PDB file of all heavy atoms in Angstrom:
ATOM      1  N   VAL A   1      -8.274  97.640   1.733  1.00  0.00           N
ATOM      2  CA  VAL A   1      -8.545  98.879   1.017  1.00  0.00           C
ATOM      3  C   VAL A   1      -7.502  99.195  -0.041  1.00  0.00           C
ATOM      4  O   VAL A   1      -7.811  99.887  -1.021  1.00  0.00           O
ATOM      5  CB  VAL A   1      -8.703 100.077   1.980  1.00  0.00           C
ATOM      6  CG1 VAL A   1      -9.863  99.830   2.937  1.00  0.00           C
ATOM      7  CG2 VAL A   1      -7.426 100.349   2.754  1.00  0.00           C
ATOM      8  N   ALA A   2      -6.284  98.720   0.133  1.00  0.00           N
ATOM      9  CA  ALA A   2      -5.222  98.977  -0.829  1.00  0.00           C
ATOM     10  C   ALA A   2      -4.081  98.012  -0.583  1.00  0.00           C
ATOM     11  O   ALA A   2      -3.851  97.597   0.555  1.00  0.00           O
ATOM     12  CB  ALA A   2      -4.701 100.415  -0.729  1.00  0.00           C
ATOM     13  N   HIS A   3      -3.373  97.652  -1.635  1.00  0.00           N
ATOM     14  CA  HIS A   3      -2.157  96.882  -1.444  1.00  0.00           C
ATOM     15  C   HIS A   3      -1.133  97.230  -2.510  1.00  0.00           C
ATOM     16  O   HIS A   3      -1.471  97.730  -3.584  1.00  0.00           O
ATOM     17  CB  HIS A   3      -2.421  95.369  -1.386  1.00  0.00           C
ATOM     18  CG  HIS A   3      -2.665  94.704  -2.702  1.00  0.00           C
ATOM     19  ND1 HIS A   3      -3.934  94.501  -3.210  1.00  0.00           N
ATOM     20  CD2 HIS A   3      -1.808  94.146  -3.602  1.00  0.00           C
ATOM     21  CE1 HIS A   3      -3.849  93.870  -4.372  1.00  0.00           C
ATOM     22  NE2 HIS A   3      -2.572  93.644  -4.626  1.00  0.00           N
ATOM     23  N   ILE A   4       0.109  96.948  -2.174  1.00  0.00           N
ATOM     24  CA  ILE A   4       1.217  97.199  -3.076  1.00  0.00           C
ATOM     25  C   ILE A   4       2.114  95.973  -3.073  1.00  0.00           C
ATOM     26  O   ILE A   4       2.445  95.429  -2.021  1.00  0.00           O
ATOM     27  CB  ILE A   4       1.978  98.486  -2.687  1.00  0.00           C
ATOM     28  CG1 ILE A   4       3.062  98.812  -3.712  1.00  0.00           C
ATOM     29  CG2 ILE A   4       2.549  98.409  -1.276  1.00  0.00           C
ATOM     30  CD1 ILE A   4       3.584 100.239  -3.588  1.00  0.00           C
ATOM     31  N   THR A   5       2.494  95.517  -4.242  1.00  0.00           N
ATOM     32  CA  THR A   5       3.299  94.317  -4.367  1.00  0.00           C
ATOM     33  C   THR A   5       4.780  94.642  -4.215  1.00  0.00           C
ATOM     34  O   THR A   5       5.193  95.800  -4.154  1.00  0.00           O
ATOM     35  CB  THR A   5       3.069  93.638  -5.715  1.00  0.00           C
ATOM     36  OG1 THR A   5       3.653  94.444  -6.752  1.00  0.00           O
ATOM     37  CG2 THR A   5       1.586  93.452  -5.995  1.00  0.00           C
ATOM     38  N   SER A   6       5.587  93.590  -4.172  1.00  0.00           N
ATOM     39  CA  SER A   6       7.024  93.772  -4.065  1.00  0.00           C
ATOM     40  C   SER A   6       7.608  94.483  -5.277  1.00  0.00           C
ATOM     41  O   SER A   6       8.674  95.099  -5.173  1.00  0.00           O
ATOM     42  CB  SER A   6       7.716  92.422  -3.869  1.00  0.00           C
ATOM     43  OG  SER A   6       7.440  91.551  -4.954  1.00  0.00           O
ATOM     44  N   SER A   7       6.919  94.418  -6.410  1.00  0.00           N
ATOM     45  CA  SER A   7       7.374  95.093  -7.610  1.00  0.00           C
ATOM     46  C   SER A   7       6.791  96.489  -7.779  1.00  0.00           C
ATOM     47  O   SER A   7       7.090  97.168  -8.761  1.00  0.00           O
ATOM     48  CB  SER A   7       7.063  94.257  -8.846  1.00  0.00           C
ATOM     49  OG  SER A   7       5.666  94.077  -8.998  1.00  0.00           O
ATOM     50  N   GLY A   8       5.930  96.905  -6.852  1.00  0.00           N
ATOM     51  CA  GLY A   8       5.385  98.248  -6.893  1.00  0.00           C
ATOM     52  C   GLY A   8       4.013  98.384  -7.510  1.00  0.00           C
ATOM     53  O   GLY A   8       3.495  99.502  -7.601  1.00  0.00           O
ATOM     54  N   SER A   9       3.412  97.291  -7.933  1.00  0.00           N
ATOM     55  CA  SER A   9       2.063  97.335  -8.480  1.00  0.00           C
ATOM     56  C   SER A   9       1.055  97.608  -7.366  1.00  0.00           C
ATOM     57  O   SER A   9       1.179  97.069  -6.266  1.00  0.00           O
ATOM     58  CB  SER A   9       1.736  96.026  -9.181  1.00  0.00           C
ATOM     59  OG  SER A   9       0.437  96.041  -9.715  1.00  0.00           O
ATOM     60  N   THR A  10       0.047  98.431  -7.641  1.00  0.00           N
ATOM     61  CA  THR A  10      -0.929  98.819  -6.631  1.00  0.00           C
ATOM     62  C   THR A  10      -2.341  98.447  -7.049  1.00  0.00           C
ATOM     63  O   THR A  10      -2.665  98.385  -8.239  1.00  0.00           O
ATOM     64  CB  THR A  10      -0.878 100.328  -6.357  1.00  0.00           C
ATOM     65  OG1 THR A  10      -1.168 101.044  -7.569  1.00  0.00           O
ATOM     66  CG2 THR A  10       0.492 100.732  -5.843  1.00  0.00           C
ATOM     67  N   ASN A  11      -3.191  98.219  -6.049  1.00  0.00           N
ATOM     68  CA  ASN A  11      -4.606  97.962  -6.256  1.00  0.00           C
ATOM     69  C   ASN A  11      -5.390  98.595  -5.127  1.00  0.00           C
ATOM     70  O   ASN A  11      -4.895  98.712  -4.010  1.00  0.00           O
ATOM     71  CB  ASN A  11      -4.896  96.460  -6.324  1.00  0.00           C
ATOM     72  CG  ASN A  11      -4.500  95.843  -7.641  1.00  0.00           C
ATOM     73  OD1 ASN A  11      -5.212  95.968  -8.629  1.00  0.00           O
ATOM     74  ND2 ASN A  11      -3.350  95.184  -7.665  1.00  0.00           N
ATOM     75  N   TYR A  12      -6.641  98.974  -5.422  1.00  0.00           N
ATOM     76  CA  TYR A  12      -7.481  99.679  -4.469  1.00  0.00           C
ATOM     77  C   TYR A  12      -8.890  99.130  -4.477  1.00  0.00           C
ATOM     78  O   TYR A  12      -9.404  98.695  -5.513  1.00  0.00           O
ATOM     79  CB  TYR A  12      -7.546 101.173  -4.801  1.00  0.00           C
ATOM     80  CG  TYR A  12      -6.209 101.850  -4.806  1.00  0.00           C
ATOM     81  CD1 TYR A  12      -5.455 101.934  -5.972  1.00  0.00           C
ATOM     82  CD2 TYR A  12      -5.687 102.396  -3.637  1.00  0.00           C
ATOM     83  CE1 TYR A  12      -4.211 102.546  -5.973  1.00  0.00           C
ATOM     84  CE2 TYR A  12      -4.448 103.013  -3.632  1.00  0.00           C
ATOM     85  CZ  TYR A  12      -3.722 103.081  -4.799  1.00  0.00           C
ATOM     86  OH  TYR A  12      -2.493 103.691  -4.793  1.00  0.00           O
ATOM     87  N   ALA A  13      -9.520  99.170  -3.311  1.00  0.00           N
ATOM     88  CA  ALA A  13     -10.943  98.901  -3.246  1.00  0.00           C
ATOM     89  C   ALA A  13     -11.705 100.004  -3.969  1.00  0.00           C
ATOM     90  O   ALA A  13     -11.276 101.161  -4.000  1.00  0.00           O
ATOM     91  CB  ALA A  13     -11.398  98.817  -1.794  1.00  0.00           C
ATOM     92  N   ASP A  14     -12.835  99.641  -4.556  1.00  0.00           N
ATOM     93  CA  ASP A  14     -13.623 100.624  -5.291  1.00  0.00           C
ATOM     94  C   ASP A  14     -13.998 101.823  -4.423  1.00  0.00           C
ATOM     95  O   ASP A  14     -14.085 102.952  -4.921  1.00  0.00           O
ATOM     96  CB  ASP A  14     -14.889  99.981  -5.852  1.00  0.00           C
ATOM     97  CG  ASP A  14     -14.615  99.052  -7.014  1.00  0.00           C
ATOM     98  OD1 ASP A  14     -13.523  99.134  -7.611  1.00  0.00           O
ATOM     99  OD2 ASP A  14     -15.498  98.240  -7.332  1.00  0.00           O
ATOM    100  N   SER A  15     -14.207 101.597  -3.143  1.00  0.00           N
ATOM    101  CA  SER A  15     -14.651 102.655  -2.254  1.00  0.00           C
ATOM    102  C   SER A  15     -13.616 103.749  -2.041  1.00  0.00           C
ATOM    103  O   SER A  15     -13.967 104.844  -1.596  1.00  0.00           O
ATOM    104  CB  SER A  15     -15.052 102.067  -0.899  1.00  0.00           C
ATOM    105  OG  SER A  15     -13.972 101.380  -0.303  1.00  0.00           O
ATOM    106  N   VAL A  16     -12.346 103.472  -2.346  1.00  0.00           N
ATOM    107  CA  VAL A  16     -11.291 104.456  -2.104  1.00  0.00           C
ATOM    108  C   VAL A  16     -10.555 104.874  -3.366  1.00  0.00           C
ATOM    109  O   VAL A  16      -9.688 105.760  -3.297  1.00  0.00           O
ATOM    110  CB  VAL A  16     -10.274 103.953  -1.058  1.00  0.00           C
ATOM    111  CG1 VAL A  16     -10.984 103.522   0.220  1.00  0.00           C
ATOM    112  CG2 VAL A  16      -9.423 102.817  -1.620  1.00  0.00           C
ATOM    113  N   LYS A  17     -10.881 104.293  -4.502  1.00  0.00           N
ATOM    114  CA  LYS A  17     -10.202 104.652  -5.744  1.00  0.00           C
ATOM    115  C   LYS A  17     -10.346 106.135  -6.031  1.00  0.00           C
ATOM    116  O   LYS A  17     -11.422 106.709  -5.906  1.00  0.00           O
ATOM    117  CB  LYS A  17     -10.760 103.845  -6.914  1.00  0.00           C
ATOM    118  CG  LYS A  17     -10.256 102.420  -6.983  1.00  0.00           C
ATOM    119  CD  LYS A  17     -10.816 101.700  -8.200  1.00  0.00           C
ATOM    120  CE  LYS A  17     -10.281 100.281  -8.289  1.00  0.00           C
ATOM    121  NZ  LYS A  17     -10.857  99.546  -9.441  1.00  0.00           N
ATOM    122  N   GLY A  18      -9.240 106.742  -6.422  1.00  0.00           N
ATOM    123  CA  GLY A  18      -9.227 108.161  -6.714  1.00  0.00           C
ATOM    124  C   GLY A  18      -9.012 109.042  -5.509  1.00  0.00           C
ATOM    125  O   GLY A  18      -8.790 110.252  -5.665  1.00  0.00           O
ATOM    126  N   ARG A  19      -9.082 108.472  -4.314  1.00  0.00           N
ATOM    127  CA  ARG A  19      -8.911 109.246  -3.090  1.00  0.00           C
ATOM    128  C   ARG A  19      -7.692 108.811  -2.275  1.00  0.00           C
ATOM    129  O   ARG A  19      -7.059 109.645  -1.630  1.00  0.00           O
ATOM    130  CB  ARG A  19     -10.160 109.134  -2.208  1.00  0.00           C
ATOM    131  CG  ARG A  19     -11.428 109.647  -2.879  1.00  0.00           C
ATOM    132  CD  ARG A  19     -12.599 109.698  -1.901  1.00  0.00           C
ATOM    133  NE  ARG A  19     -12.948 108.379  -1.386  1.00  0.00           N
ATOM    134  CZ  ARG A  19     -12.887 108.038  -0.094  1.00  0.00           C
ATOM    135  NH1 ARG A  19     -12.508 108.928   0.814  1.00  0.00           N
ATOM    136  NH2 ARG A  19     -13.241 106.818   0.286  1.00  0.00           N
ATOM    137  N   PHE A  20      -7.383 107.526  -2.294  1.00  0.00           N
ATOM    138  CA  PHE A  20      -6.272 106.984  -1.513  1.00  0.00           C
ATOM    139  C   PHE A  20      -5.136 106.578  -2.440  1.00  0.00           C
ATOM    140  O   PHE A  20      -5.369 106.113  -3.563  1.00  0.00           O
ATOM    141  CB  PHE A  20      -6.703 105.748  -0.725  1.00  0.00           C
ATOM    142  CG  PHE A  20      -7.653 105.999   0.415  1.00  0.00           C
ATOM    143  CD1 PHE A  20      -8.280 107.217   0.601  1.00  0.00           C
ATOM    144  CD2 PHE A  20      -7.908 104.974   1.311  1.00  0.00           C
ATOM    145  CE1 PHE A  20      -9.157 107.429   1.659  1.00  0.00           C
ATOM    146  CE2 PHE A  20      -8.781 105.173   2.371  1.00  0.00           C
ATOM    147  CZ  PHE A  20      -9.407 106.394   2.545  1.00  0.00           C
ATOM    148  N   THR A  21      -3.909 106.712  -1.952  1.00  0.00           N
ATOM    149  CA  THR A  21      -2.731 106.288  -2.688  1.00  0.00           C
ATOM    150  C   THR A  21      -1.803 105.522  -1.759  1.00  0.00           C
ATOM    151  O   THR A  21      -1.425 106.029  -0.700  1.00  0.00           O
ATOM    152  CB  THR A  21      -1.977 107.481  -3.291  1.00  0.00           C
ATOM    153  OG1 THR A  21      -2.848 108.225  -4.147  1.00  0.00           O
ATOM    154  CG2 THR A  21      -0.776 106.997  -4.106  1.00  0.00           C
ATOM    155  N   ILE A  22      -1.440 104.315  -2.152  1.00  0.00           N
ATOM    156  CA  ILE A  22      -0.484 103.522  -1.394  1.00  0.00           C
ATOM    157  C   ILE A  22       0.879 103.617  -2.066  1.00  0.00           C
ATOM    158  O   ILE A  22       0.977 103.622  -3.292  1.00  0.00           O
ATOM    159  CB  ILE A  22      -0.951 102.057  -1.265  1.00  0.00           C
ATOM    160  CG1 ILE A  22      -0.055 101.276  -0.302  1.00  0.00           C
ATOM    161  CG2 ILE A  22      -1.042 101.374  -2.617  1.00  0.00           C
ATOM    162  CD1 ILE A  22      -0.603  99.889   0.047  1.00  0.00           C
ATOM    163  N   SER A  23       1.917 103.703  -1.266  1.00  0.00           N
ATOM    164  CA  SER A  23       3.275 103.759  -1.783  1.00  0.00           C
ATOM    165  C   SER A  23       4.209 103.084  -0.792  1.00  0.00           C
ATOM    166  O   SER A  23       3.829 102.813   0.351  1.00  0.00           O
ATOM    167  CB  SER A  23       3.714 105.202  -2.047  1.00  0.00           C
ATOM    168  OG  SER A  23       3.699 105.962  -0.848  1.00  0.00           O
ATOM    169  N   ARG A  24       5.417 102.804  -1.240  1.00  0.00           N
ATOM    170  CA  ARG A  24       6.382 102.175  -0.351  1.00  0.00           C
ATOM    171  C   ARG A  24       7.763 102.768  -0.554  1.00  0.00           C
ATOM    172  O   ARG A  24       8.125 103.187  -1.658  1.00  0.00           O
ATOM    173  CB  ARG A  24       6.405 100.650  -0.549  1.00  0.00           C
ATOM    174  CG  ARG A  24       6.919 100.177  -1.902  1.00  0.00           C
ATOM    175  CD  ARG A  24       6.653  98.683  -2.109  1.00  0.00           C
ATOM    176  NE  ARG A  24       7.343  97.863  -1.119  1.00  0.00           N
ATOM    177  CZ  ARG A  24       7.026  96.598  -0.841  1.00  0.00           C
ATOM    178  NH1 ARG A  24       6.001  96.018  -1.469  1.00  0.00           N
ATOM    179  NH2 ARG A  24       7.718  95.928   0.069  1.00  0.00           N
ATOM    180  N   ASP A  25       8.516 102.796   0.527  1.00  0.00           N
ATOM    181  CA  ASP A  25       9.902 103.230   0.513  1.00  0.00           C
ATOM    182  C   ASP A  25      10.698 102.108   1.153  1.00  0.00           C
ATOM    183  O   ASP A  25      10.790 102.019   2.377  1.00  0.00           O
ATOM    184  CB  ASP A  25      10.072 104.543   1.268  1.00  0.00           C
ATOM    185  CG  ASP A  25      11.476 105.098   1.169  1.00  0.00           C
ATOM    186  OD1 ASP A  25      12.410 104.338   0.844  1.00  0.00           O
ATOM    187  OD2 ASP A  25      11.653 106.303   1.413  1.00  0.00           O
ATOM    188  N   ASP A  26      11.262 101.244   0.323  1.00  0.00           N
ATOM    189  CA  ASP A  26      11.946 100.069   0.846  1.00  0.00           C
ATOM    190  C   ASP A  26      13.199 100.432   1.637  1.00  0.00           C
ATOM    191  O   ASP A  26      13.568  99.727   2.572  1.00  0.00           O
ATOM    192  CB  ASP A  26      12.298  99.116  -0.297  1.00  0.00           C
ATOM    193  CG  ASP A  26      11.074  98.464  -0.909  1.00  0.00           C
ATOM    194  OD1 ASP A  26      10.024  98.407  -0.247  1.00  0.00           O
ATOM    195  OD2 ASP A  26      11.172  98.005  -2.070  1.00  0.00           O
ATOM    196  N   ALA A  27      13.850 101.531   1.277  1.00  0.00           N
ATOM    197  CA  ALA A  27      15.029 101.962   2.013  1.00  0.00           C
ATOM    198  C   ALA A  27      14.697 102.320   3.456  1.00  0.00           C
ATOM    199  O   ALA A  27      15.548 102.215   4.343  1.00  0.00           O
ATOM    200  CB  ALA A  27      15.687 103.147   1.318  1.00  0.00           C
ATOM    201  N   LYS A  28      13.461 102.752   3.701  1.00  0.00           N
ATOM    202  CA  LYS A  28      13.012 103.100   5.046  1.00  0.00           C
ATOM    203  C   LYS A  28      12.147 102.026   5.675  1.00  0.00           C
ATOM    204  O   LYS A  28      11.642 102.211   6.786  1.00  0.00           O
ATOM    205  CB  LYS A  28      12.237 104.419   5.020  1.00  0.00           C
ATOM    206  CG  LYS A  28      13.053 105.617   4.578  1.00  0.00           C
ATOM    207  CD  LYS A  28      12.208 106.881   4.582  1.00  0.00           C
ATOM    208  CE  LYS A  28      13.033 108.085   4.167  1.00  0.00           C
ATOM    209  NZ  LYS A  28      12.212 109.322   4.129  1.00  0.00           N
ATOM    210  N   ASN A  29      11.950 100.913   4.979  1.00  0.00           N
ATOM    211  CA  ASN A  29      11.081  99.837   5.466  1.00  0.00           C
ATOM    212  C   ASN A  29       9.701 100.365   5.853  1.00  0.00           C
ATOM    213  O   ASN A  29       9.148 100.005   6.901  1.00  0.00           O
ATOM    214  CB  ASN A  29      11.715  99.118   6.655  1.00  0.00           C
ATOM    215  CG  ASN A  29      12.709  98.054   6.236  1.00  0.00           C
ATOM    216  OD1 ASN A  29      13.056  97.921   5.065  1.00  0.00           O
ATOM    217  ND2 ASN A  29      13.184  97.282   7.204  1.00  0.00           N
ATOM    218  N   THR A  30       9.133 101.199   4.999  1.00  0.00           N
ATOM    219  CA  THR A  30       7.882 101.868   5.321  1.00  0.00           C
ATOM    220  C   THR A  30       6.939 101.859   4.123  1.00  0.00           C
ATOM    221  O   THR A  30       7.366 102.065   2.981  1.00  0.00           O
ATOM    222  CB  THR A  30       8.131 103.314   5.764  1.00  0.00           C
ATOM    223  OG1 THR A  30       9.006 103.313   6.895  1.00  0.00           O
ATOM    224  CG2 THR A  30       6.828 104.000   6.152  1.00  0.00           C
ATOM    225  N   VAL A  31       5.657 101.613   4.405  1.00  0.00           N
ATOM    226  CA  VAL A  31       4.586 101.754   3.437  1.00  0.00           C
ATOM    227  C   VAL A  31       3.663 102.861   3.912  1.00  0.00           C
ATOM    228  O   VAL A  31       3.397 102.991   5.114  1.00  0.00           O
ATOM    229  CB  VAL A  31       3.818 100.430   3.257  1.00  0.00           C
ATOM    230  CG1 VAL A  31       2.549 100.649   2.442  1.00  0.00           C
ATOM    231  CG2 VAL A  31       4.696  99.398   2.566  1.00  0.00           C
ATOM    232  N   TYR A  32       3.165 103.661   2.975  1.00  0.00           N
ATOM    233  CA  TYR A  32       2.313 104.795   3.292  1.00  0.00           C
ATOM    234  C   TYR A  32       0.933 104.621   2.671  1.00  0.00           C
ATOM    235  O   TYR A  32       0.767 103.964   1.645  1.00  0.00           O
ATOM    236  CB  TYR A  32       2.918 106.093   2.763  1.00  0.00           C
ATOM    237  CG  TYR A  32       4.308 106.368   3.264  1.00  0.00           C
ATOM    238  CD1 TYR A  32       5.419 106.021   2.507  1.00  0.00           C
ATOM    239  CD2 TYR A  32       4.508 106.968   4.505  1.00  0.00           C
ATOM    240  CE1 TYR A  32       6.698 106.268   2.965  1.00  0.00           C
ATOM    241  CE2 TYR A  32       5.785 107.218   4.969  1.00  0.00           C
ATOM    242  CZ  TYR A  32       6.877 106.869   4.201  1.00  0.00           C
ATOM    243  OH  TYR A  32       8.147 107.120   4.672  1.00  0.00           O
ATOM    244  N   LEU A  33      -0.040 105.239   3.294  1.00  0.00           N
ATOM    245  CA  LEU A  33      -1.370 105.360   2.718  1.00  0.00           C
ATOM    246  C   LEU A  33      -1.784 106.816   2.812  1.00  0.00           C
ATOM    247  O   LEU A  33      -2.098 107.305   3.902  1.00  0.00           O
ATOM    248  CB  LEU A  33      -2.386 104.465   3.430  1.00  0.00           C
ATOM    249  CG  LEU A  33      -3.774 104.424   2.791  1.00  0.00           C
ATOM    250  CD1 LEU A  33      -3.725 103.742   1.426  1.00  0.00           C
ATOM    251  CD2 LEU A  33      -4.773 103.714   3.704  1.00  0.00           C
ATOM    252  N   GLN A  34      -1.751 107.502   1.680  1.00  0.00           N
ATOM    253  CA  GLN A  34      -2.208 108.877   1.611  1.00  0.00           C
ATOM    254  C   GLN A  34      -3.706 108.873   1.379  1.00  0.00           C
ATOM    255  O   GLN A  34      -4.178 108.313   0.386  1.00  0.00           O
ATOM    256  CB  GLN A  34      -1.500 109.627   0.478  1.00  0.00           C
ATOM    257  CG  GLN A  34      -1.953 111.071   0.302  1.00  0.00           C
ATOM    258  CD  GLN A  34      -1.572 111.948   1.467  1.00  0.00           C
ATOM    259  OE1 GLN A  34      -0.432 111.912   1.913  1.00  0.00           O
ATOM    260  NE2 GLN A  34      -2.520 112.724   1.967  1.00  0.00           N
TER     261      GLN A  34
END
């Protein structure tokens, strides 16, 4: 449904575009899906 690269680039499935947001916090070793 979504992915984020090591450089911060993001991509989304068409079904969730505009509704979901993926992000990462490398200092916390955590990826989020809003």
